[in-house]
């Protein structure tokens, strides 16, 4: 017990020596540390805006309704918290257009002027925040072929209908590789 008290400096050492204090003053004061401001330039994610200052009971459907004119071109929402969300548009032009329009229930601002939480979410999800692209038109041809093959029955589709579907699929593949998601 005396060894512990001696280490704490409460019991004098034998021989009249003064106890040495082994505590050192810290070199750095970490109490006032603040994380560095997340700096996002306007050119990093120009197609993403911050949507804020809307009621807490707003849901995804409500925000989609506010920005319904952008849904056909490509628009998506990524939530930050109850009153902040990221709006992901198909292009920077669409995002600037949304910033210039006024909405009654929500406010918008560029991501570069957004809150720390919004910028952190954007940085963390940068891969998922790519511009929303319109999906190519789909066809039921593959599903029909799989079902017919699994059931072992013959198709009641005429040769002309099959050819038209095959041509439509080839056009969709051409869109995918030449004008859509195939090029990055």
N, C-alpha and C. Protein backbone atom coordinates (compact mmCIF):
# COMPACT_ATOMS: atom_id res chain seq x y z
N UNK A 1 0.83 -1.18 0.00
CA UNK A 1 0.00 0.00 0.00
C UNK A 1 0.88 1.26 0.00
N UNK A 2 2.02 1.20 0.74
CA UNK A 2 2.88 2.36 0.80
C UNK A 2 3.52 2.64 -0.56
N UNK A 3 3.77 1.59 -1.33
CA UNK A 3 4.36 1.79 -2.65
C UNK A 3 3.40 2.58 -3.54
N UNK A 4 2.10 2.26 -3.45
CA UNK A 4 1.11 2.99 -4.24
C UNK A 4 1.02 4.43 -3.77
N UNK A 5 1.03 4.63 -2.43
CA UNK A 5 0.96 5.99 -1.90
C UNK A 5 2.23 6.76 -2.23
N UNK A 6 3.36 6.05 -2.22
CA UNK A 6 4.62 6.69 -2.56
C UNK A 6 4.61 7.12 -4.03
N UNK A 7 4.03 6.27 -4.90
CA UNK A 7 3.94 6.61 -6.32
C UNK A 7 3.03 7.81 -6.53
N UNK A 8 2.03 7.96 -5.68
CA UNK A 8 1.11 9.08 -5.78
C UNK A 8 1.71 10.34 -5.16
N UNK A 9 2.82 10.18 -4.45
CA UNK A 9 3.48 11.33 -3.87
C UNK A 9 2.95 11.71 -2.50
N UNK A 10 2.27 10.80 -1.82
CA UNK A 10 1.69 11.12 -0.53
C UNK A 10 2.59 10.73 0.63
N UNK A 11 3.45 9.73 0.46
CA UNK A 11 4.34 9.28 1.53
C UNK A 11 5.76 9.67 1.13
N UNK A 12 6.49 10.34 2.04
CA UNK A 12 7.86 10.73 1.68
C UNK A 12 8.73 9.51 1.51
N UNK A 13 9.69 9.65 0.63
CA UNK A 13 10.63 8.56 0.40
C UNK A 13 11.58 8.46 1.59
N UNK A 14 12.19 7.30 1.79
CA UNK A 14 13.15 7.14 2.90
C UNK A 14 14.39 7.98 2.62
N UNK A 15 15.00 8.47 3.62
CA UNK A 15 16.20 9.26 3.48
C UNK A 15 15.90 10.73 3.30
N UNK A 16 14.67 11.16 3.49
CA UNK A 16 14.32 12.55 3.43
C UNK A 16 14.23 13.12 2.01
N UNK A 17 14.22 12.26 0.97
CA UNK A 17 14.11 12.75 -0.39
C UNK A 17 12.71 13.30 -0.65
N UNK A 18 12.65 14.31 -1.48
CA UNK A 18 11.35 14.84 -1.85
C UNK A 18 10.76 13.97 -2.96
N UNK A 19 9.48 13.75 -2.89
CA UNK A 19 8.88 12.96 -3.98
C UNK A 19 8.92 13.76 -5.28
N UNK A 20 9.21 13.03 -6.37
CA UNK A 20 9.23 13.66 -7.69
C UNK A 20 7.85 13.55 -8.33
N UNK A 21 7.45 14.60 -8.94
CA UNK A 21 6.18 14.57 -9.66
C UNK A 21 6.44 14.05 -11.07
N UNK A 22 5.72 13.03 -11.43
CA UNK A 22 5.95 12.44 -12.75
C UNK A 22 4.91 12.94 -13.76
N UNK A 23 4.10 13.87 -13.39
CA UNK A 23 3.12 14.41 -14.33
C UNK A 23 3.75 15.50 -15.17
N UNK A 24 3.46 15.46 -16.44
CA UNK A 24 3.98 16.48 -17.35
C UNK A 24 2.81 17.28 -17.89
N UNK A 25 3.09 18.49 -18.21
CA UNK A 25 2.08 19.33 -18.85
C UNK A 25 1.91 18.85 -20.28
N UNK A 26 0.69 18.80 -20.76
CA UNK A 26 0.50 18.36 -22.15
C UNK A 26 1.08 19.38 -23.13
N UNK A 27 1.59 18.87 -24.24
CA UNK A 27 2.13 19.76 -25.26
C UNK A 27 1.02 20.35 -26.13
N UNK A 28 -0.05 19.60 -26.31
CA UNK A 28 -1.14 20.02 -27.18
C UNK A 28 -2.44 20.05 -26.40
N UNK A 29 -3.26 21.02 -26.63
CA UNK A 29 -4.56 21.12 -25.99
C UNK A 29 -5.62 20.63 -26.97
N UNK A 30 -6.16 19.43 -26.71
CA UNK A 30 -7.14 18.85 -27.61
C UNK A 30 -8.57 19.19 -27.22
N UNK A 31 -8.76 19.90 -26.14
CA UNK A 31 -10.12 20.21 -25.68
C UNK A 31 -10.87 21.09 -26.67
N UNK A 32 -10.20 22.00 -27.31
CA UNK A 32 -10.87 22.91 -28.22
C UNK A 32 -10.80 22.47 -29.67
N UNK A 33 -10.45 21.21 -29.93
CA UNK A 33 -10.28 20.72 -31.29
C UNK A 33 -11.61 20.69 -32.03
N UNK A 34 -11.62 21.16 -33.23
CA UNK A 34 -12.77 21.10 -34.12
C UNK A 34 -12.32 20.42 -35.41
N UNK A 35 -13.14 19.53 -35.96
CA UNK A 35 -12.75 18.92 -37.23
C UNK A 35 -12.69 19.98 -38.33
N UNK A 36 -11.85 19.75 -39.28
CA UNK A 36 -11.69 20.70 -40.38
C UNK A 36 -12.99 20.79 -41.17
N UNK A 37 -13.26 21.96 -41.68
CA UNK A 37 -14.46 22.18 -42.48
C UNK A 37 -14.36 21.35 -43.76
N UNK A 38 -15.42 20.62 -44.06
CA UNK A 38 -15.45 19.84 -45.29
C UNK A 38 -15.66 20.81 -46.44
N UNK A 39 -14.67 20.94 -47.26
CA UNK A 39 -14.75 21.91 -48.34
C UNK A 39 -15.13 21.19 -49.62
N UNK A 40 -16.31 21.50 -50.12
CA UNK A 40 -16.76 20.97 -51.40
C UNK A 40 -16.87 22.15 -52.35
N UNK A 41 -16.20 22.07 -53.44
CA UNK A 41 -16.31 23.16 -54.41
C UNK A 41 -17.57 22.96 -55.23
N UNK A 42 -17.98 24.03 -55.91
CA UNK A 42 -19.19 23.94 -56.74
C UNK A 42 -19.00 23.00 -57.90
N UNK A 43 -17.76 22.69 -58.26
CA UNK A 43 -17.52 21.83 -59.41
C UNK A 43 -17.44 20.34 -59.04
N UNK A 44 -17.39 20.01 -57.76
CA UNK A 44 -17.26 18.59 -57.39
C UNK A 44 -18.53 17.79 -57.65
N UNK A 45 -19.64 18.23 -57.11
CA UNK A 45 -20.92 17.55 -57.33
C UNK A 45 -21.96 18.60 -57.75
N UNK A 46 -21.83 19.15 -58.96
CA UNK A 46 -22.71 20.25 -59.35
C UNK A 46 -24.16 19.83 -59.57
N UNK A 47 -24.42 18.55 -59.71
CA UNK A 47 -25.78 18.07 -59.94
C UNK A 47 -26.50 17.72 -58.63
N UNK A 48 -25.84 17.98 -57.48
CA UNK A 48 -26.43 17.67 -56.17
C UNK A 48 -26.68 18.98 -55.42
N UNK A 49 -27.89 19.10 -54.84
CA UNK A 49 -28.21 20.27 -54.03
C UNK A 49 -28.67 19.80 -52.66
N UNK A 50 -28.66 20.72 -51.71
CA UNK A 50 -29.19 20.41 -50.38
C UNK A 50 -30.61 20.94 -50.29
N UNK A 51 -31.50 20.10 -49.84
CA UNK A 51 -32.90 20.47 -49.60
C UNK A 51 -33.05 20.53 -48.08
N UNK A 52 -33.55 21.63 -47.55
CA UNK A 52 -33.57 21.80 -46.10
C UNK A 52 -34.78 22.61 -45.66
N UNK A 53 -34.91 22.73 -44.35
CA UNK A 53 -35.94 23.55 -43.72
C UNK A 53 -37.35 23.14 -44.12
N UNK A 54 -37.58 21.84 -44.17
CA UNK A 54 -38.94 21.35 -44.42
C UNK A 54 -39.43 20.67 -43.16
N UNK A 55 -40.74 20.46 -43.03
CA UNK A 55 -41.28 19.85 -41.80
C UNK A 55 -40.69 18.46 -41.56
N UNK A 56 -40.53 18.12 -40.29
CA UNK A 56 -39.94 16.82 -39.92
C UNK A 56 -40.79 15.65 -40.38
N UNK A 57 -42.08 15.83 -40.52
CA UNK A 57 -42.93 14.71 -40.91
C UNK A 57 -42.97 14.52 -42.43
N UNK A 58 -42.20 15.28 -43.18
CA UNK A 58 -42.09 15.09 -44.63
C UNK A 58 -41.40 13.76 -44.88
N UNK A 59 -41.88 13.05 -45.88
CA UNK A 59 -41.26 11.79 -46.28
C UNK A 59 -40.71 11.90 -47.70
N UNK A 60 -40.19 10.82 -48.20
CA UNK A 60 -39.64 10.80 -49.55
C UNK A 60 -40.70 11.17 -50.57
N UNK A 61 -41.90 10.63 -50.41
CA UNK A 61 -42.98 10.91 -51.37
C UNK A 61 -43.30 12.40 -51.41
N UNK A 62 -43.26 13.07 -50.26
CA UNK A 62 -43.54 14.51 -50.22
C UNK A 62 -42.48 15.30 -50.98
N UNK A 63 -41.21 14.95 -50.77
CA UNK A 63 -40.14 15.64 -51.48
C UNK A 63 -40.18 15.34 -52.98
N UNK A 64 -40.52 14.12 -53.33
CA UNK A 64 -40.64 13.78 -54.75
C UNK A 64 -41.78 14.58 -55.39
N UNK A 65 -42.84 14.82 -54.64
CA UNK A 65 -43.97 15.61 -55.14
C UNK A 65 -43.54 17.07 -55.38
N UNK A 66 -42.71 17.60 -54.49
CA UNK A 66 -42.24 18.98 -54.66
C UNK A 66 -41.40 19.11 -55.93
N UNK A 67 -40.59 18.10 -56.22
CA UNK A 67 -39.70 18.14 -57.38
C UNK A 67 -40.20 17.24 -58.51
N UNK A 68 -41.52 17.11 -58.64
CA UNK A 68 -42.09 16.18 -59.62
C UNK A 68 -41.74 16.54 -61.06
N UNK A 69 -41.51 17.81 -61.35
CA UNK A 69 -41.19 18.20 -62.73
C UNK A 69 -39.82 17.67 -63.18
N UNK A 70 -38.98 17.23 -62.25
CA UNK A 70 -37.64 16.73 -62.59
C UNK A 70 -37.58 15.21 -62.64
N UNK A 71 -38.65 14.54 -62.26
CA UNK A 71 -38.59 13.08 -62.17
C UNK A 71 -38.44 12.41 -63.52
N UNK A 72 -39.05 12.95 -64.56
CA UNK A 72 -38.92 12.32 -65.87
C UNK A 72 -37.50 12.43 -66.40
N UNK A 73 -36.81 13.52 -66.07
CA UNK A 73 -35.43 13.71 -66.53
C UNK A 73 -34.45 12.92 -65.68
N UNK A 74 -34.85 12.59 -64.47
CA UNK A 74 -33.98 11.86 -63.54
C UNK A 74 -33.76 12.67 -62.28
N UNK A 75 -34.30 12.22 -61.18
CA UNK A 75 -34.17 12.90 -59.90
C UNK A 75 -34.25 11.86 -58.80
N UNK A 76 -33.40 12.01 -57.79
CA UNK A 76 -33.42 11.07 -56.66
C UNK A 76 -33.12 11.84 -55.38
N UNK A 77 -33.45 11.23 -54.25
CA UNK A 77 -33.26 11.86 -52.95
C UNK A 77 -32.42 10.96 -52.06
N UNK A 78 -31.48 11.55 -51.35
CA UNK A 78 -30.68 10.84 -50.34
C UNK A 78 -30.85 11.62 -49.04
N UNK A 79 -31.36 10.96 -48.01
CA UNK A 79 -31.65 11.63 -46.74
C UNK A 79 -30.37 11.88 -45.94
N UNK A 80 -30.31 13.05 -45.28
CA UNK A 80 -29.23 13.39 -44.38
C UNK A 80 -29.73 13.26 -42.94
N UNK A 81 -30.81 13.93 -42.62
CA UNK A 81 -31.50 13.79 -41.33
C UNK A 81 -32.96 14.15 -41.53
N UNK A 82 -33.70 14.41 -40.45
CA UNK A 82 -35.15 14.63 -40.56
C UNK A 82 -35.53 15.87 -41.34
N UNK A 83 -34.67 16.86 -41.40
CA UNK A 83 -35.02 18.11 -42.09
C UNK A 83 -34.00 18.50 -43.16
N UNK A 84 -33.14 17.57 -43.55
CA UNK A 84 -32.16 17.83 -44.61
C UNK A 84 -32.08 16.61 -45.52
N UNK A 85 -32.00 16.88 -46.81
CA UNK A 85 -31.84 15.81 -47.79
C UNK A 85 -30.99 16.32 -48.94
N UNK A 86 -30.42 15.40 -49.68
CA UNK A 86 -29.67 15.74 -50.88
C UNK A 86 -30.54 15.44 -52.09
N UNK A 87 -30.64 16.40 -52.99
CA UNK A 87 -31.37 16.20 -54.24
C UNK A 87 -30.38 15.91 -55.34
N UNK A 88 -30.53 14.76 -56.00
CA UNK A 88 -29.59 14.35 -57.04
C UNK A 88 -30.31 14.47 -58.38
N UNK A 89 -29.79 15.32 -59.24
CA UNK A 89 -30.41 15.59 -60.53
C UNK A 89 -29.62 14.94 -61.65
N UNK A 90 -30.22 14.89 -62.82
CA UNK A 90 -29.57 14.23 -63.96
C UNK A 90 -28.44 15.07 -64.54
N UNK A 91 -28.45 16.39 -64.27
CA UNK A 91 -27.41 17.25 -64.82
C UNK A 91 -27.24 18.49 -63.93
N UNK A 92 -26.12 19.17 -64.04
CA UNK A 92 -25.94 20.42 -63.30
C UNK A 92 -26.95 21.50 -63.72
N UNK A 93 -27.38 21.46 -64.97
CA UNK A 93 -28.36 22.43 -65.46
C UNK A 93 -29.68 22.25 -64.74
N UNK A 94 -30.11 20.99 -64.60
CA UNK A 94 -31.37 20.72 -63.88
C UNK A 94 -31.25 21.14 -62.42
N UNK A 95 -30.09 20.93 -61.82
CA UNK A 95 -29.88 21.33 -60.42
C UNK A 95 -29.94 22.85 -60.28
N UNK A 96 -29.31 23.58 -61.21
CA UNK A 96 -29.38 25.05 -61.17
C UNK A 96 -30.81 25.54 -61.35
N UNK A 97 -31.55 24.86 -62.22
CA UNK A 97 -32.95 25.22 -62.44
C UNK A 97 -33.76 25.02 -61.16
N UNK A 98 -33.51 23.92 -60.47
CA UNK A 98 -34.23 23.66 -59.21
C UNK A 98 -33.84 24.69 -58.15
N UNK A 99 -32.59 25.12 -58.14
CA UNK A 99 -32.16 26.14 -57.18
C UNK A 99 -32.82 27.48 -57.44
N UNK A 100 -33.07 27.78 -58.71
CA UNK A 100 -33.66 29.08 -59.04
C UNK A 100 -35.17 29.12 -58.81
N UNK A 101 -35.82 27.97 -58.78
CA UNK A 101 -37.27 27.96 -58.54
C UNK A 101 -37.54 28.00 -57.03
N UNK A 102 -38.61 28.66 -56.65
CA UNK A 102 -38.99 28.80 -55.24
C UNK A 102 -40.08 27.80 -54.89
N UNK A 103 -39.94 27.18 -53.74
CA UNK A 103 -40.91 26.21 -53.25
C UNK A 103 -41.44 26.71 -51.91
N UNK A 104 -42.72 26.46 -51.66
CA UNK A 104 -43.35 26.96 -50.44
C UNK A 104 -42.86 26.22 -49.20
N UNK A 105 -42.75 24.91 -49.28
CA UNK A 105 -42.49 24.09 -48.09
C UNK A 105 -41.02 23.74 -47.87
N UNK A 106 -40.17 23.93 -48.87
CA UNK A 106 -38.76 23.55 -48.73
C UNK A 106 -37.87 24.69 -49.21
N UNK A 107 -36.63 24.67 -48.75
CA UNK A 107 -35.61 25.60 -49.23
C UNK A 107 -34.50 24.77 -49.85
N UNK A 108 -33.79 25.39 -50.78
CA UNK A 108 -32.68 24.70 -51.44
C UNK A 108 -31.46 25.61 -51.47
N UNK A 109 -30.29 24.97 -51.53
CA UNK A 109 -29.03 25.70 -51.68
C UNK A 109 -28.01 24.76 -52.32
N UNK A 110 -26.98 25.33 -52.94
CA UNK A 110 -25.93 24.48 -53.51
C UNK A 110 -25.24 23.68 -52.40
N UNK A 111 -24.75 22.52 -52.75
CA UNK A 111 -24.10 21.66 -51.76
C UNK A 111 -22.88 22.33 -51.16
N UNK A 112 -22.19 23.15 -51.93
CA UNK A 112 -21.00 23.84 -51.41
C UNK A 112 -21.35 24.77 -50.25
N UNK A 113 -22.60 25.24 -50.19
CA UNK A 113 -23.05 26.12 -49.11
C UNK A 113 -23.84 25.35 -48.06
N UNK A 114 -23.89 24.04 -48.18
CA UNK A 114 -24.69 23.21 -47.29
C UNK A 114 -24.10 23.04 -45.91
N UNK A 115 -24.83 22.32 -45.07
CA UNK A 115 -24.40 22.04 -43.71
C UNK A 115 -23.26 21.03 -43.71
N UNK A 116 -22.57 20.96 -42.59
CA UNK A 116 -21.47 20.01 -42.43
C UNK A 116 -21.98 18.57 -42.62
N UNK A 117 -23.16 18.27 -42.07
CA UNK A 117 -23.72 16.92 -42.18
C UNK A 117 -24.03 16.57 -43.63
N UNK A 118 -24.57 17.52 -44.38
CA UNK A 118 -24.89 17.27 -45.79
C UNK A 118 -23.62 17.03 -46.59
N UNK A 119 -22.59 17.82 -46.35
CA UNK A 119 -21.32 17.64 -47.06
C UNK A 119 -20.68 16.31 -46.70
N UNK A 120 -20.76 15.93 -45.42
CA UNK A 120 -20.20 14.64 -44.99
C UNK A 120 -20.94 13.49 -45.66
N UNK A 121 -22.25 13.58 -45.73
CA UNK A 121 -23.06 12.54 -46.38
C UNK A 121 -22.70 12.46 -47.86
N UNK A 122 -22.54 13.61 -48.50
CA UNK A 122 -22.19 13.64 -49.91
C UNK A 122 -20.81 13.02 -50.15
N UNK A 123 -19.86 13.32 -49.28
CA UNK A 123 -18.52 12.73 -49.40
C UNK A 123 -18.57 11.22 -49.19
N UNK A 124 -19.33 10.79 -48.19
CA UNK A 124 -19.40 9.36 -47.87
C UNK A 124 -20.10 8.57 -48.97
N UNK A 125 -21.05 9.20 -49.64
CA UNK A 125 -21.84 8.49 -50.66
C UNK A 125 -21.55 8.99 -52.06
N UNK A 126 -20.37 9.51 -52.31
CA UNK A 126 -20.05 10.12 -53.60
C UNK A 126 -20.27 9.14 -54.76
N UNK A 127 -20.01 7.86 -54.55
CA UNK A 127 -20.22 6.88 -55.61
C UNK A 127 -21.69 6.74 -55.97
N UNK A 128 -22.55 6.87 -54.96
CA UNK A 128 -23.99 6.71 -55.18
C UNK A 128 -24.66 7.99 -55.67
N UNK A 129 -23.95 9.08 -55.68
CA UNK A 129 -24.53 10.37 -56.05
C UNK A 129 -24.26 10.74 -57.49
N UNK A 130 -24.03 9.77 -58.34
CA UNK A 130 -23.82 10.07 -59.74
C UNK A 130 -25.14 10.52 -60.35
N UNK A 131 -25.08 11.31 -61.42
CA UNK A 131 -26.32 11.83 -62.00
C UNK A 131 -27.31 10.71 -62.32
N UNK A 132 -28.55 10.96 -61.98
CA UNK A 132 -29.61 9.99 -62.25
C UNK A 132 -29.80 9.89 -63.76
N UNK A 133 -29.83 8.68 -64.27
CA UNK A 133 -30.01 8.47 -65.70
C UNK A 133 -31.34 7.77 -65.94
N UNK A 134 -31.94 8.13 -67.05
CA UNK A 134 -33.19 7.51 -67.43
C UNK A 134 -32.94 6.06 -67.81
N UNK A 135 -33.80 5.19 -67.37
CA UNK A 135 -33.66 3.77 -67.69
C UNK A 135 -34.17 3.51 -69.10
N UNK A 136 -33.48 2.66 -69.86
CA UNK A 136 -33.99 2.37 -71.21
C UNK A 136 -35.30 1.59 -71.15
N UNK A 137 -36.03 1.69 -72.22
CA UNK A 137 -37.31 0.98 -72.30
C UNK A 137 -37.05 -0.52 -72.21
N UNK A 138 -37.87 -1.21 -71.45
CA UNK A 138 -37.67 -2.65 -71.25
C UNK A 138 -38.68 -3.45 -72.06
N UNK A 139 -38.42 -4.73 -72.14
CA UNK A 139 -39.28 -5.63 -72.90
C UNK A 139 -39.51 -6.89 -72.08
N UNK A 140 -40.64 -7.51 -72.31
CA UNK A 140 -40.98 -8.74 -71.59
C UNK A 140 -40.51 -9.98 -72.35
N UNK A 141 -39.76 -9.80 -73.42
CA UNK A 141 -39.36 -10.92 -74.27
C UNK A 141 -38.53 -11.95 -73.50
N UNK A 142 -37.54 -11.50 -72.74
CA UNK A 142 -36.69 -12.42 -72.00
C UNK A 142 -37.51 -13.18 -70.95
N UNK A 143 -38.35 -12.49 -70.22
CA UNK A 143 -39.17 -13.14 -69.20
C UNK A 143 -40.09 -14.17 -69.86
N UNK A 144 -40.68 -13.82 -70.97
CA UNK A 144 -41.57 -14.75 -71.67
C UNK A 144 -40.80 -15.98 -72.11
N UNK A 145 -39.60 -15.78 -72.67
CA UNK A 145 -38.78 -16.92 -73.11
C UNK A 145 -38.41 -17.83 -71.95
N UNK A 146 -38.05 -17.24 -70.81
CA UNK A 146 -37.68 -18.05 -69.65
C UNK A 146 -38.87 -18.86 -69.12
N UNK A 147 -40.03 -18.23 -69.04
CA UNK A 147 -41.22 -18.93 -68.52
C UNK A 147 -41.64 -20.04 -69.47
N UNK A 148 -41.66 -19.76 -70.76
CA UNK A 148 -42.06 -20.78 -71.74
C UNK A 148 -41.08 -21.94 -71.72
N UNK A 149 -39.78 -21.62 -71.61
CA UNK A 149 -38.77 -22.68 -71.55
C UNK A 149 -38.91 -23.53 -70.29
N UNK A 150 -39.21 -22.89 -69.15
CA UNK A 150 -39.35 -23.62 -67.90
C UNK A 150 -40.59 -24.50 -67.89
N UNK A 151 -41.67 -24.01 -68.51
CA UNK A 151 -42.91 -24.79 -68.54
C UNK A 151 -42.91 -25.83 -69.65
N UNK A 152 -42.05 -25.65 -70.62
CA UNK A 152 -41.98 -26.61 -71.71
C UNK A 152 -43.16 -26.51 -72.67
N UNK A 153 -43.72 -25.35 -72.82
CA UNK A 153 -44.84 -25.17 -73.75
C UNK A 153 -44.38 -24.34 -74.94
N UNK A 154 -45.20 -24.35 -75.99
CA UNK A 154 -44.87 -23.56 -77.18
C UNK A 154 -45.45 -22.16 -77.03
N UNK A 155 -44.77 -21.22 -77.63
CA UNK A 155 -45.21 -19.83 -77.59
C UNK A 155 -46.36 -19.62 -78.56
N UNK A 156 -47.33 -18.84 -78.15
CA UNK A 156 -48.45 -18.52 -79.03
C UNK A 156 -48.21 -17.18 -79.75
N UNK A 157 -46.97 -16.74 -79.75
CA UNK A 157 -46.60 -15.48 -80.38
C UNK A 157 -46.23 -15.75 -81.84
N UNK A 158 -46.69 -14.87 -82.73
CA UNK A 158 -46.40 -15.06 -84.15
C UNK A 158 -44.95 -14.72 -84.45
N UNK A 159 -44.48 -15.17 -85.62
CA UNK A 159 -43.11 -14.92 -86.03
C UNK A 159 -42.85 -13.40 -86.16
N UNK A 160 -43.80 -12.67 -86.68
CA UNK A 160 -43.65 -11.22 -86.87
C UNK A 160 -43.52 -10.51 -85.51
N UNK A 161 -44.29 -10.95 -84.53
CA UNK A 161 -44.22 -10.35 -83.19
C UNK A 161 -42.86 -10.63 -82.55
N UNK A 162 -42.36 -11.86 -82.73
CA UNK A 162 -41.04 -12.19 -82.19
C UNK A 162 -39.95 -11.35 -82.85
N UNK A 163 -40.03 -11.17 -84.15
CA UNK A 163 -39.05 -10.35 -84.88
C UNK A 163 -39.09 -8.89 -84.41
N UNK A 164 -40.29 -8.37 -84.19
CA UNK A 164 -40.44 -6.99 -83.73
C UNK A 164 -39.82 -6.82 -82.34
N UNK A 165 -40.05 -7.80 -81.47
CA UNK A 165 -39.46 -7.76 -80.13
C UNK A 165 -37.94 -7.85 -80.18
N UNK A 166 -37.44 -8.72 -81.03
CA UNK A 166 -35.99 -8.88 -81.17
C UNK A 166 -35.35 -7.58 -81.67
N UNK A 167 -36.01 -6.92 -82.62
CA UNK A 167 -35.50 -5.66 -83.14
C UNK A 167 -35.52 -4.58 -82.06
N UNK A 168 -36.56 -4.57 -81.25
CA UNK A 168 -36.68 -3.60 -80.16
C UNK A 168 -35.56 -3.81 -79.14
N UNK A 169 -35.25 -5.06 -78.82
CA UNK A 169 -34.16 -5.37 -77.89
C UNK A 169 -32.81 -4.93 -78.45
N UNK A 170 -32.59 -5.13 -79.74
CA UNK A 170 -31.34 -4.71 -80.35
C UNK A 170 -31.18 -3.19 -80.30
N UNK A 171 -32.29 -2.47 -80.49
CA UNK A 171 -32.24 -1.01 -80.40
C UNK A 171 -31.92 -0.58 -78.97
N UNK A 172 -32.51 -1.27 -77.99
CA UNK A 172 -32.24 -0.93 -76.59
C UNK A 172 -30.78 -1.21 -76.25
N UNK A 173 -30.22 -2.29 -76.75
CA UNK A 173 -28.81 -2.58 -76.52
C UNK A 173 -27.93 -1.51 -77.15
N UNK A 174 -28.30 -1.06 -78.33
CA UNK A 174 -27.55 0.01 -78.99
C UNK A 174 -27.59 1.28 -78.17
N UNK A 175 -28.74 1.60 -77.57
CA UNK A 175 -28.85 2.78 -76.71
C UNK A 175 -27.95 2.62 -75.50
N UNK A 176 -27.94 1.43 -74.92
CA UNK A 176 -27.16 1.18 -73.72
C UNK A 176 -25.67 1.38 -73.99
N UNK A 177 -25.18 0.87 -75.13
CA UNK A 177 -23.75 0.93 -75.38
C UNK A 177 -23.30 2.23 -76.03
N UNK A 178 -24.21 2.92 -76.70
CA UNK A 178 -23.78 4.13 -77.43
C UNK A 178 -24.25 5.43 -76.80
N UNK A 179 -25.37 5.41 -76.09
CA UNK A 179 -25.87 6.68 -75.57
C UNK A 179 -26.25 6.66 -74.12
N UNK A 180 -26.16 5.51 -73.47
CA UNK A 180 -26.65 5.43 -72.10
C UNK A 180 -25.57 5.12 -71.11
N UNK A 181 -25.88 4.21 -70.21
CA UNK A 181 -25.01 3.91 -69.07
C UNK A 181 -23.74 3.19 -69.47
N UNK A 182 -23.64 2.67 -70.70
CA UNK A 182 -22.45 1.95 -71.10
C UNK A 182 -21.21 2.82 -71.21
N UNK A 183 -21.39 4.10 -71.49
CA UNK A 183 -20.24 5.01 -71.59
C UNK A 183 -20.08 5.77 -70.30
N UNK A 184 -18.89 5.79 -69.77
CA UNK A 184 -18.64 6.54 -68.52
C UNK A 184 -17.40 7.33 -68.66
